[in-house]
Amino acid sequence: MALVLHAGKNNKNAVKALIAAEYSGVQVQLVKNFEMGVSNKTPQFIKMNPLGKVPVLETPDGPVFESNAIARYVTRLKSENPLYGSSLIEYAHVEQWIDFSTTEIDSNIVRWLYPRIGAVGPYLPPAEEAAISALKRALGALNTHLASNTYLVGHSVTLADIILTCNLCLGFSRVMTKNFTSEFPHVERYFWTMVNQPKFHKMLGEVKQTEAVPPVQSAKKPSQPKEPVKPKTKNEPKKEAKEEAKPKAEDADEEEEAPKPKAKNPLDLLPPSKMVLDEWKRLYSNTKTNFREVAIKGIACELF
């Protein structure tokens, strides 16, 4: 069974595995005519990934989802793959930069971009400022590392470079303008060097830097369900065409109906009682024998 990758051809997360396959000499077939929102909702796809997210890789041993896991799987199909470095410490550094790329770069680009285009959650300026600040901090650390390194690990392309470049590609093409990235010249040099590598260019195509941050798209209000039409009865009077004008907010107090008088309690018509309840309670509590007769006589004496 060939390796089949379920995702759109422009999905940057799918491209990670495709570039890794190019470097590893592994054949990965991309599903044709994959339509997001349709192809990933079928029962067959949900069986491979219950969340319905892409990409998903079909393998002879079962499906694999999550883009970094797919890229790792493809890389490991080739024994002693240089994409994982040439030593144990380089392997650890590759994994280190993969995690950094995911948690510090990709997550903050997504937090900046997606609310603006209405993809995830509402747009909140303080949240955007926090995402941009965190992204600048991460790019600053990356810029320092790349000041003395051509690649992230060692002296050739590794899986860390593939994943980081694909994540940066989303930022450069959608929100990170030249004015923004000029603060990180070594990151700029690194990114344009990587996307113009033949195997990268084959999968990514021509990458262009955005000239402006996309405007905030207003969230669509959910449509209100229409009230069901009640069937008319024969005896139901016809409604007049024009309804009476409703009172204004400031006139609401004047238009309220006057409170109706409360109905009188019949017991209020009885003459006031001479009975003192506390004295009767003491009589009831202090009588040890025949307390019922004594208490009743006490009530009679008080009332009559």
C-alpha atoms as a PDB file:
ATOM      1  CA  MET A   1       0.000   0.000   0.000  1.00  0.00           C
ATOM      2  CA  ALA A   2       1.378   3.427  -0.978  1.00  0.00           C
ATOM      3  CA  LEU A   3       1.484   6.295   1.485  1.00  0.00           C
ATOM      4  CA  VAL A   4      -1.554   8.490   0.847  1.00  0.00           C
ATOM      5  CA  LEU A   5      -1.736  12.012   2.275  1.00  0.00           C
ATOM      6  CA  HIS A   6      -5.205  13.507   2.795  1.00  0.00           C
ATOM      7  CA  ALA A   7      -5.035  17.317   2.571  1.00  0.00           C
ATOM      8  CA  GLY A   8      -5.262  20.205   0.146  1.00  0.00           C
ATOM      9  CA  LYS A   9      -2.214  20.868  -2.013  1.00  0.00           C
ATOM     10  CA  ASN A  10      -1.725  24.326  -0.459  1.00  0.00           C
ATOM     11  CA  ASN A  11      -1.925  23.140   3.140  1.00  0.00           C
ATOM     12  CA  LYS A  12       1.350  24.179   4.783  1.00  0.00           C
ATOM     13  CA  ASN A  13       1.073  21.372   7.321  1.00  0.00           C
ATOM     14  CA  ALA A  14       0.810  18.785   4.557  1.00  0.00           C
ATOM     15  CA  VAL A  15       3.806  20.308   2.758  1.00  0.00           C
ATOM     16  CA  LYS A  16       6.012  19.407   5.739  1.00  0.00           C
ATOM     17  CA  ALA A  17       5.619  15.698   4.964  1.00  0.00           C
ATOM     18  CA  LEU A  18       5.957  16.212   1.209  1.00  0.00           C
ATOM     19  CA  ILE A  19       9.281  18.058   1.549  1.00  0.00           C
ATOM     20  CA  ALA A  20      10.533  15.463   4.055  1.00  0.00           C
ATOM     21  CA  ALA A  21       9.561  12.759   1.536  1.00  0.00           C
ATOM     22  CA  GLU A  22      11.525  14.546  -1.215  1.00  0.00           C
ATOM     23  CA  TYR A  23      14.667  14.595   0.936  1.00  0.00           C
ATOM     24  CA  SER A  24      14.151  11.005   2.107  1.00  0.00           C
ATOM     25  CA  GLY A  25      13.347   9.409  -1.236  1.00  0.00           C
ATOM     26  CA  VAL A  26       9.926   8.264  -0.002  1.00  0.00           C
ATOM     27  CA  GLN A  27       6.877   8.172  -2.270  1.00  0.00           C
ATOM     28  CA  VAL A  28       3.868  10.008  -0.819  1.00  0.00           C
ATOM     29  CA  GLN A  29       0.734  10.378  -2.918  1.00  0.00           C
ATOM     30  CA  LEU A  30      -1.426  13.435  -2.297  1.00  0.00           C
ATOM     31  CA  VAL A  31      -5.182  12.843  -2.569  1.00  0.00           C
ATOM     32  CA  LYS A  32      -6.621  14.536  -5.643  1.00  0.00           C
ATOM     33  CA  ASN A  33      -9.519  16.986  -5.474  1.00  0.00           C
ATOM     34  CA  PHE A  34      -9.453  17.154  -1.678  1.00  0.00           C
ATOM     35  CA  GLU A  35     -12.069  19.691  -0.587  1.00  0.00           C
ATOM     36  CA  MET A  36     -11.769  21.046   2.938  1.00  0.00           C
ATOM     37  CA  GLY A  37     -15.110  20.999   4.721  1.00  0.00           C
ATOM     38  CA  VAL A  38     -16.361  18.115   2.578  1.00  0.00           C
ATOM     39  CA  SER A  39     -13.640  15.490   2.156  1.00  0.00           C
ATOM     40  CA  ASN A  40     -12.707  15.664   5.838  1.00  0.00           C
ATOM     41  CA  LYS A  41     -16.316  15.139   6.961  1.00  0.00           C
ATOM     42  CA  THR A  42     -16.879  11.743   5.385  1.00  0.00           C
ATOM     43  CA  PRO A  43     -17.243   8.645   7.616  1.00  0.00           C
ATOM     44  CA  GLN A  44     -14.047   7.210   6.096  1.00  0.00           C
ATOM     45  CA  PHE A  45     -12.041  10.287   7.063  1.00  0.00           C
ATOM     46  CA  ILE A  46     -13.564  10.559  10.556  1.00  0.00           C
ATOM     47  CA  LYS A  47     -12.558   6.951  11.128  1.00  0.00           C
ATOM     48  CA  MET A  48      -8.923   7.934  10.466  1.00  0.00           C
ATOM     49  CA  ASN A  49      -9.096  11.126  12.555  1.00  0.00           C
ATOM     50  CA  PRO A  50     -12.137  11.584  14.827  1.00  0.00           C
ATOM     51  CA  LEU A  51     -11.522  15.359  14.978  1.00  0.00           C
ATOM     52  CA  GLY A  52     -11.811  15.700  11.218  1.00  0.00           C
ATOM     53  CA  LYS A  53      -8.568  17.676  10.997  1.00  0.00           C
ATOM     54  CA  VAL A  54      -5.997  17.523   8.203  1.00  0.00           C
ATOM     55  CA  PRO A  55      -3.552  16.256   7.216  1.00  0.00           C
ATOM     56  CA  VAL A  56      -3.904  12.502   7.685  1.00  0.00           C
ATOM     57  CA  LEU A  57      -1.453   9.957   6.285  1.00  0.00           C
ATOM     58  CA  GLU A  58      -2.628   6.474   5.322  1.00  0.00           C
ATOM     59  CA  THR A  59       0.091   3.872   5.900  1.00  0.00           C
ATOM     60  CA  PRO A  60       0.202   0.052   5.612  1.00  0.00           C
ATOM     61  CA  ASP A  61       0.024  -0.091   9.416  1.00  0.00           C
ATOM     62  CA  GLY A  62      -2.815   2.382   9.884  1.00  0.00           C
ATOM     63  CA  PRO A  63      -3.471   6.133   9.702  1.00  0.00           C
ATOM     64  CA  VAL A  64      -1.319   8.853  11.294  1.00  0.00           C
ATOM     65  CA  PHE A  65      -2.564  12.358  12.030  1.00  0.00           C
ATOM     66  CA  GLU A  66      -0.885  15.564  13.322  1.00  0.00           C
ATOM     67  CA  SER A  67       1.470  17.124  10.783  1.00  0.00           C
ATOM     68  CA  ASN A  68       4.684  16.903  12.826  1.00  0.00           C
ATOM     69  CA  ALA A  69       4.044  13.231  13.576  1.00  0.00           C
ATOM     70  CA  ILE A  70       3.456  12.572   9.877  1.00  0.00           C
ATOM     71  CA  ALA A  71       6.695  14.357   8.933  1.00  0.00           C
ATOM     72  CA  ARG A  72       8.597  12.362  11.572  1.00  0.00           C
ATOM     73  CA  TYR A  73       7.105   9.095  10.291  1.00  0.00           C
ATOM     74  CA  VAL A  74       8.102   9.833   6.699  1.00  0.00           C
ATOM     75  CA  THR A  75      11.623  10.799   7.800  1.00  0.00           C
ATOM     76  CA  ARG A  76      12.119   7.630   9.823  1.00  0.00           C
ATOM     77  CA  LEU A  77      11.206   5.416   6.871  1.00  0.00           C
ATOM     78  CA  LYS A  78      14.782   6.005   5.700  1.00  0.00           C
ATOM     79  CA  SER A  79      17.338   4.512   8.086  1.00  0.00           C
ATOM     80  CA  GLU A  80      20.023   6.892   9.372  1.00  0.00           C
ATOM     81  CA  ASN A  81      18.301   9.781   7.672  1.00  0.00           C
ATOM     82  CA  PRO A  82      20.471  12.948   7.764  1.00  0.00           C
ATOM     83  CA  LEU A  83      17.265  14.933   8.320  1.00  0.00           C
ATOM     84  CA  TYR A  84      17.608  13.789  11.947  1.00  0.00           C
ATOM     85  CA  GLY A  85      21.261  14.851  12.262  1.00  0.00           C
ATOM     86  CA  SER A  86      24.419  12.786  12.551  1.00  0.00           C
ATOM     87  CA  SER A  87      24.597  12.282  16.327  1.00  0.00           C
ATOM     88  CA  LEU A  88      22.410  11.879  19.386  1.00  0.00           C
ATOM     89  CA  ILE A  89      22.863  15.518  20.400  1.00  0.00           C
ATOM     90  CA  GLU A  90      21.933  16.702  16.903  1.00  0.00           C
ATOM     91  CA  TYR A  91      18.839  14.497  17.029  1.00  0.00           C
ATOM     92  CA  ALA A  92      17.907  16.169  20.327  1.00  0.00           C
ATOM     93  CA  HIS A  93      18.487  19.626  18.825  1.00  0.00           C
ATOM     94  CA  VAL A  94      16.296  18.767  15.832  1.00  0.00           C
ATOM     95  CA  GLU A  95      13.468  17.820  18.192  1.00  0.00           C
ATOM     96  CA  GLN A  96      14.159  20.931  20.260  1.00  0.00           C
ATOM     97  CA  TRP A  97      13.709  23.259  17.283  1.00  0.00           C
ATOM     98  CA  ILE A  98      10.626  21.367  16.078  1.00  0.00           C
ATOM     99  CA  ASP A  99       8.969  22.036  19.440  1.00  0.00           C
ATOM    100  CA  PHE A 100      10.140  25.668  19.373  1.00  0.00           C
ATOM    101  CA  SER A 101       8.745  26.107  15.870  1.00  0.00           C
ATOM    102  CA  THR A 102       5.366  24.736  16.939  1.00  0.00           C
ATOM    103  CA  THR A 103       4.859  26.371  20.324  1.00  0.00           C
ATOM    104  CA  GLU A 104       6.634  29.708  19.839  1.00  0.00           C
ATOM    105  CA  ILE A 105       6.361  30.488  16.117  1.00  0.00           C
ATOM    106  CA  ASP A 106       3.364  28.713  14.616  1.00  0.00           C
ATOM    107  CA  SER A 107       0.996  29.156  17.562  1.00  0.00           C
ATOM    108  CA  ASN A 108       1.574  32.929  17.751  1.00  0.00           C
ATOM    109  CA  ILE A 109       1.236  33.423  13.981  1.00  0.00           C
ATOM    110  CA  VAL A 110      -2.089  31.575  14.165  1.00  0.00           C
ATOM    111  CA  ARG A 111      -3.218  33.654  17.174  1.00  0.00           C
ATOM    112  CA  TRP A 112      -2.440  36.792  15.169  1.00  0.00           C
ATOM    113  CA  LEU A 113      -3.929  35.753  11.815  1.00  0.00           C
ATOM    114  CA  TYR A 114      -6.953  33.557  12.471  1.00  0.00           C
ATOM    115  CA  PRO A 115      -9.082  35.978  14.565  1.00  0.00           C
ATOM    116  CA  ARG A 116      -8.486  38.645  11.902  1.00  0.00           C
ATOM    117  CA  ILE A 117      -9.885  36.504   9.110  1.00  0.00           C
ATOM    118  CA  GLY A 118     -12.719  35.122  11.236  1.00  0.00           C
ATOM    119  CA  ALA A 119     -11.331  31.584  11.315  1.00  0.00           C
ATOM    120  CA  VAL A 120     -11.099  31.073  15.089  1.00  0.00           C
ATOM    121  CA  GLY A 121     -12.724  33.000  17.923  1.00  0.00           C
ATOM    122  CA  PRO A 122     -13.529  36.722  18.125  1.00  0.00           C
ATOM    123  CA  TYR A 123     -10.992  39.422  17.269  1.00  0.00           C
ATOM    124  CA  LEU A 124      -9.679  41.021  20.474  1.00  0.00           C
ATOM    125  CA  PRO A 125      -6.980  43.731  20.191  1.00  0.00           C
ATOM    126  CA  PRO A 126      -5.329  42.869  23.563  1.00  0.00           C
ATOM    127  CA  ALA A 127      -5.062  39.196  22.504  1.00  0.00           C
ATOM    128  CA  GLU A 128      -3.540  40.226  19.182  1.00  0.00           C
ATOM    129  CA  GLU A 129      -1.008  42.477  20.917  1.00  0.00           C
ATOM    130  CA  ALA A 130      -0.020  39.599  23.202  1.00  0.00           C
ATOM    131  CA  ALA A 131       0.414  37.248  20.220  1.00  0.00           C
ATOM    132  CA  ILE A 132       2.568  39.764  18.320  1.00  0.00           C
ATOM    133  CA  SER A 133       4.683  40.437  21.399  1.00  0.00           C
ATOM    134  CA  ALA A 134       5.254  36.703  21.965  1.00  0.00           C
ATOM    135  CA  LEU A 135       6.065  36.192  18.280  1.00  0.00           C
ATOM    136  CA  LYS A 136       8.618  39.017  18.308  1.00  0.00           C
ATOM    137  CA  ARG A 137      10.253  37.510  21.382  1.00  0.00           C
ATOM    138  CA  ALA A 138      10.530  34.118  19.643  1.00  0.00           C
ATOM    139  CA  LEU A 139      11.813  35.644  16.404  1.00  0.00           C
ATOM    140  CA  GLY A 140      14.388  37.584  18.397  1.00  0.00           C
ATOM    141  CA  ALA A 141      15.743  34.371  19.916  1.00  0.00           C
ATOM    142  CA  LEU A 142      15.714  32.693  16.504  1.00  0.00           C
ATOM    143  CA  ASN A 143      17.485  35.684  14.944  1.00  0.00           C
ATOM    144  CA  THR A 144      20.263  35.427  17.524  1.00  0.00           C
ATOM    145  CA  HIS A 145      20.767  31.723  16.788  1.00  0.00           C
ATOM    146  CA  LEU A 146      20.809  32.241  13.016  1.00  0.00           C
ATOM    147  CA  ALA A 147      23.352  35.059  13.280  1.00  0.00           C
ATOM    148  CA  SER A 148      26.051  32.375  13.420  1.00  0.00           C
ATOM    149  CA  ASN A 149      24.235  29.388  11.862  1.00  0.00           C
ATOM    150  CA  THR A 150      23.091  28.782   8.289  1.00  0.00           C
ATOM    151  CA  TYR A 151      20.728  26.001   9.381  1.00  0.00           C
ATOM    152  CA  LEU A 152      19.067  25.258  12.704  1.00  0.00           C
ATOM    153  CA  VAL A 153      21.171  22.134  13.370  1.00  0.00           C
ATOM    154  CA  GLY A 154      24.526  21.204  11.860  1.00  0.00           C
ATOM    155  CA  HIS A 155      25.573  22.154   8.343  1.00  0.00           C
ATOM    156  CA  SER A 156      22.680  20.838   6.235  1.00  0.00           C
ATOM    157  CA  VAL A 157      18.897  20.778   6.076  1.00  0.00           C
ATOM    158  CA  THR A 158      17.160  18.841   8.833  1.00  0.00           C
ATOM    159  CA  LEU A 159      13.539  18.100   9.652  1.00  0.00           C
ATOM    160  CA  ALA A 160      13.606  21.094  11.990  1.00  0.00           C
ATOM    161  CA  ASP A 161      14.334  23.411   9.047  1.00  0.00           C
ATOM    162  CA  ILE A 162      11.478  21.891   7.047  1.00  0.00           C
ATOM    163  CA  ILE A 163       8.893  22.359   9.803  1.00  0.00           C
ATOM    164  CA  LEU A 164      10.082  25.842  10.784  1.00  0.00           C
ATOM    165  CA  THR A 165      10.122  27.075   7.186  1.00  0.00           C
ATOM    166  CA  CYS A 166       6.582  25.816   6.548  1.00  0.00           C
ATOM    167  CA  ASN A 167       5.378  27.549   9.706  1.00  0.00           C
ATOM    168  CA  LEU A 168       7.166  30.788   8.819  1.00  0.00           C
ATOM    169  CA  CYS A 169       5.680  30.597   5.334  1.00  0.00           C
ATOM    170  CA  LEU A 170       2.201  31.216   6.749  1.00  0.00           C
ATOM    171  CA  GLY A 171       3.482  34.269   8.599  1.00  0.00           C
ATOM    172  CA  PHE A 172       5.471  35.760   5.715  1.00  0.00           C
ATOM    173  CA  SER A 173       2.640  35.289   3.223  1.00  0.00           C
ATOM    174  CA  ARG A 174      -0.233  36.540   5.420  1.00  0.00           C
ATOM    175  CA  VAL A 175       0.712  38.871   8.303  1.00  0.00           C
ATOM    176  CA  MET A 176       4.484  39.450   8.568  1.00  0.00           C
ATOM    177  CA  THR A 177       5.169  42.408   6.297  1.00  0.00           C
ATOM    178  CA  LYS A 178       8.628  43.605   5.288  1.00  0.00           C
ATOM    179  CA  ASN A 179       8.368  46.372   7.851  1.00  0.00           C
ATOM    180  CA  PHE A 180       7.762  43.721  10.524  1.00  0.00           C
ATOM    181  CA  THR A 181      10.459  41.197   9.500  1.00  0.00           C
ATOM    182  CA  SER A 182      13.194  43.781   8.855  1.00  0.00           C
ATOM    183  CA  GLU A 183      13.782  43.781  12.595  1.00  0.00           C
ATOM    184  CA  PHE A 184      15.029  40.175  12.231  1.00  0.00           C
ATOM    185  CA  PRO A 185      17.491  40.209   9.286  1.00  0.00           C
ATOM    186  CA  HIS A 186      18.980  36.766   9.974  1.00  0.00           C
ATOM    187  CA  VAL A 187      15.500  35.213  10.025  1.00  0.00           C
ATOM    188  CA  GLU A 188      14.775  36.905   6.684  1.00  0.00           C
ATOM    189  CA  ARG A 189      17.989  35.580   5.140  1.00  0.00           C
ATOM    190  CA  TYR A 190      17.304  32.090   6.478  1.00  0.00           C
ATOM    191  CA  PHE A 191      13.692  32.004   5.255  1.00  0.00           C
ATOM    192  CA  TRP A 192      14.391  33.141   1.687  1.00  0.00           C
ATOM    193  CA  THR A 193      17.346  30.760   1.496  1.00  0.00           C
ATOM    194  CA  MET A 194      15.185  27.823   2.516  1.00  0.00           C
ATOM    195  CA  VAL A 195      12.126  28.492   0.321  1.00  0.00           C
ATOM    196  CA  ASN A 196      14.421  28.759  -2.717  1.00  0.00           C
ATOM    197  CA  GLN A 197      16.016  25.361  -2.144  1.00  0.00           C
ATOM    198  CA  PRO A 198      14.926  23.129  -5.091  1.00  0.00           C
ATOM    199  CA  LYS A 199      13.029  20.574  -2.980  1.00  0.00           C
ATOM    200  CA  PHE A 200      11.299  23.311  -0.987  1.00  0.00           C
ATOM    201  CA  HIS A 201      10.441  25.315  -4.094  1.00  0.00           C
ATOM    202  CA  LYS A 202       8.989  22.224  -5.770  1.00  0.00           C
ATOM    203  CA  MET A 203       6.375  21.861  -3.008  1.00  0.00           C
ATOM    204  CA  LEU A 204       5.876  25.454  -1.877  1.00  0.00           C
ATOM    205  CA  GLY A 205       5.980  27.130  -5.265  1.00  0.00           C
ATOM    206  CA  GLU A 206       6.697  30.854  -5.508  1.00  0.00           C
ATOM    207  CA  VAL A 207       6.446  32.444  -2.060  1.00  0.00           C
ATOM    208  CA  LYS A 208       5.672  36.161  -1.850  1.00  0.00           C
ATOM    209  CA  GLN A 209       5.751  38.296   1.265  1.00  0.00           C
ATOM    210  CA  THR A 210       2.523  40.055   2.146  1.00  0.00           C
ATOM    211  CA  GLU A 211       2.394  43.810   1.723  1.00  0.00           C
ATOM    212  CA  ALA A 212      -0.258  44.380   4.386  1.00  0.00           C
ATOM    213  CA  VAL A 213      -1.881  42.704   7.359  1.00  0.00           C
ATOM    214  CA  PRO A 214      -5.384  41.486   6.394  1.00  0.00           C
ATOM    215  CA  PRO A 215      -8.218  43.681   7.694  1.00  0.00           C
ATOM    216  CA  VAL A 216     -10.398  42.421  10.495  1.00  0.00           C
ATOM    217  CA  GLN A 217     -13.436  40.627   9.170  1.00  0.00           C
ATOM    218  CA  SER A 218     -16.637  41.246  11.076  1.00  0.00           C
ATOM    219  CA  ALA A 219     -18.154  38.122  12.546  1.00  0.00           C
ATOM    220  CA  LYS A 220     -21.388  37.012  10.925  1.00  0.00           C
ATOM    221  CA  LYS A 221     -24.393  37.091  13.206  1.00  0.00           C
ATOM    222  CA  PRO A 222     -26.199  33.769  13.402  1.00  0.00           C
ATOM    223  CA  SER A 223     -29.570  33.870  11.679  1.00  0.00           C
ATOM    224  CA  GLN A 224     -32.527  33.892  14.049  1.00  0.00           C
ATOM    225  CA  PRO A 225     -34.953  31.006  13.582  1.00  0.00           C
ATOM    226  CA  LYS A 226     -38.349  32.095  12.291  1.00  0.00           C
ATOM    227  CA  GLU A 227     -41.334  31.595  14.554  1.00  0.00           C
ATOM    228  CA  PRO A 228     -43.740  28.963  13.245  1.00  0.00           C
ATOM    229  CA  VAL A 229     -46.947  30.368  11.759  1.00  0.00           C
ATOM    230  CA  LYS A 230     -49.958  29.471  13.871  1.00  0.00           C
ATOM    231  CA  PRO A 231     -53.002  28.217  11.954  1.00  0.00           C
ATOM    232  CA  LYS A 232     -55.965  30.593  12.093  1.00  0.00           C
ATOM    233  CA  THR A 233     -59.180  29.432  13.716  1.00  0.00           C
ATOM    234  CA  LYS A 234     -62.689  30.364  12.599  1.00  0.00           C
ATOM    235  CA  ASN A 235     -63.514  32.309  15.747  1.00  0.00           C
ATOM    236  CA  GLU A 236     -60.207  34.158  15.896  1.00  0.00           C
ATOM    237  CA  PRO A 237     -60.762  37.889  15.249  1.00  0.00           C
ATOM    238  CA  LYS A 238     -58.814  39.460  12.420  1.00  0.00           C
ATOM    239  CA  LYS A 239     -55.888  41.644  13.391  1.00  0.00           C
ATOM    240  CA  GLU A 240     -55.952  45.232  12.256  1.00  0.00           C
ATOM    241  CA  ALA A 241     -53.433  46.159   9.607  1.00  0.00           C
ATOM    242  CA  LYS A 242     -51.933  48.917  11.706  1.00  0.00           C
ATOM    243  CA  GLU A 243     -50.819  48.211  15.234  1.00  0.00           C
ATOM    244  CA  GLU A 244     -51.046  50.790  17.946  1.00  0.00           C
ATOM    245  CA  ALA A 245     -47.852  52.691  18.544  1.00  0.00           C
ATOM    246  CA  LYS A 246     -45.774  51.177  21.303  1.00  0.00           C
ATOM    247  CA  PRO A 247     -44.754  53.435  24.193  1.00  0.00           C
ATOM    248  CA  LYS A 248     -41.286  54.906  24.172  1.00  0.00           C
ATOM    249  CA  ALA A 249     -38.720  53.786  26.733  1.00  0.00           C
ATOM    250  CA  GLU A 250     -38.910  57.083  28.609  1.00  0.00           C
ATOM    251  CA  ASP A 251     -42.711  56.808  28.785  1.00  0.00           C
ATOM    252  CA  ALA A 252     -42.715  53.231  30.022  1.00  0.00           C
ATOM    253  CA  ASP A 253     -43.378  54.205  33.636  1.00  0.00           C
ATOM    254  CA  GLU A 254     -46.380  56.305  32.652  1.00  0.00           C
ATOM    255  CA  GLU A 255     -47.874  53.542  30.518  1.00  0.00           C
ATOM    256  CA  GLU A 256     -47.760  50.876  33.208  1.00  0.00           C
ATOM    257  CA  GLU A 257     -51.094  49.650  34.518  1.00  0.00           C
ATOM    258  CA  ALA A 258     -52.034  50.906  37.966  1.00  0.00           C
ATOM    259  CA  PRO A 259     -51.762  48.229  40.661  1.00  0.00           C
ATOM    260  CA  LYS A 260     -55.041  46.595  41.580  1.00  0.00           C
ATOM    261  CA  PRO A 261     -56.187  46.820  45.231  1.00  0.00           C
ATOM    262  CA  LYS A 262     -55.558  43.699  47.236  1.00  0.00           C
ATOM    263  CA  ALA A 263     -58.569  41.646  48.366  1.00  0.00           C
ATOM    264  CA  LYS A 264     -59.356  41.994  52.084  1.00  0.00           C
ATOM    265  CA  ASN A 265     -58.829  38.996  54.349  1.00  0.00           C
ATOM    266  CA  PRO A 266     -62.137  37.953  56.045  1.00  0.00           C
ATOM    267  CA  LEU A 267     -60.254  37.445  59.319  1.00  0.00           C
ATOM    268  CA  ASP A 268     -59.474  41.160  59.381  1.00  0.00           C
ATOM    269  CA  LEU A 269     -63.213  41.772  60.086  1.00  0.00           C
ATOM    270  CA  LEU A 270     -63.039  39.952  63.476  1.00  0.00           C
ATOM    271  CA  PRO A 271     -62.658  42.051  66.658  1.00  0.00           C
ATOM    272  CA  PRO A 272     -59.142  42.163  68.155  1.00  0.00           C
ATOM    273  CA  SER A 273     -58.343  39.170  70.418  1.00  0.00           C
ATOM    274  CA  LYS A 274     -57.464  39.548  74.077  1.00  0.00           C
ATOM    275  CA  MET A 275     -55.330  36.419  73.983  1.00  0.00           C
ATOM    276  CA  VAL A 276     -51.598  36.813  74.713  1.00  0.00           C
ATOM    277  CA  LEU A 277     -49.854  34.057  72.807  1.00  0.00           C
ATOM    278  CA  ASP A 278     -46.698  34.054  74.941  1.00  0.00           C
ATOM    279  CA  GLU A 279     -48.721  33.481  78.155  1.00  0.00           C
ATOM    280  CA  TRP A 280     -50.564  30.559  76.551  1.00  0.00           C
ATOM    281  CA  LYS A 281     -47.240  29.034  75.403  1.00  0.00           C
ATOM    282  CA  ARG A 282     -45.904  29.193  78.972  1.00  0.00           C
ATOM    283  CA  LEU A 283     -49.101  27.581  80.262  1.00  0.00           C
ATOM    284  CA  TYR A 284     -48.821  24.833  77.656  1.00  0.00           C
ATOM    285  CA  SER A 285     -45.123  24.167  78.384  1.00  0.00           C
ATOM    286  CA  ASN A 286     -45.398  24.217  82.203  1.00  0.00           C
ATOM    287  CA  THR A 287     -48.396  21.877  82.463  1.00  0.00           C
ATOM    288  CA  LYS A 288     -47.116  18.335  83.046  1.00  0.00           C
ATOM    289  CA  THR A 289     -50.429  16.429  83.262  1.00  0.00           C
ATOM    290  CA  ASN A 290     -53.718  16.961  81.496  1.00  0.00           C
ATOM    291  CA  PHE A 291     -51.931  19.649  79.491  1.00  0.00           C
ATOM    292  CA  ARG A 292     -54.402  19.371  76.625  1.00  0.00           C
ATOM    293  CA  GLU A 293     -57.453  20.171  78.785  1.00  0.00           C
ATOM    294  CA  VAL A 294     -55.633  22.940  80.649  1.00  0.00           C
ATOM    295  CA  ALA A 295     -54.393  24.494  77.398  1.00  0.00           C
ATOM    296  CA  ILE A 296     -57.856  24.416  75.815  1.00  0.00           C
ATOM    297  CA  LYS A 297     -59.407  26.000  78.924  1.00  0.00           C
ATOM    298  CA  GLY A 298     -56.687  28.672  78.784  1.00  0.00           C
ATOM    299  CA  ILE A 299     -57.617  29.505  75.250  1.00  0.00           C
ATOM    300  CA  ALA A 300     -61.321  29.655  76.136  1.00  0.00           C
ATOM    301  CA  CYS A 301     -60.649  31.989  79.023  1.00  0.00           C
ATOM    302  CA  GLU A 302     -58.631  34.323  76.846  1.00  0.00           C
ATOM    303  CA  LEU A 303     -61.115  34.428  73.965  1.00  0.00           C
ATOM    304  CA  PHE A 304     -64.426  34.638  75.808  1.00  0.00           C
END
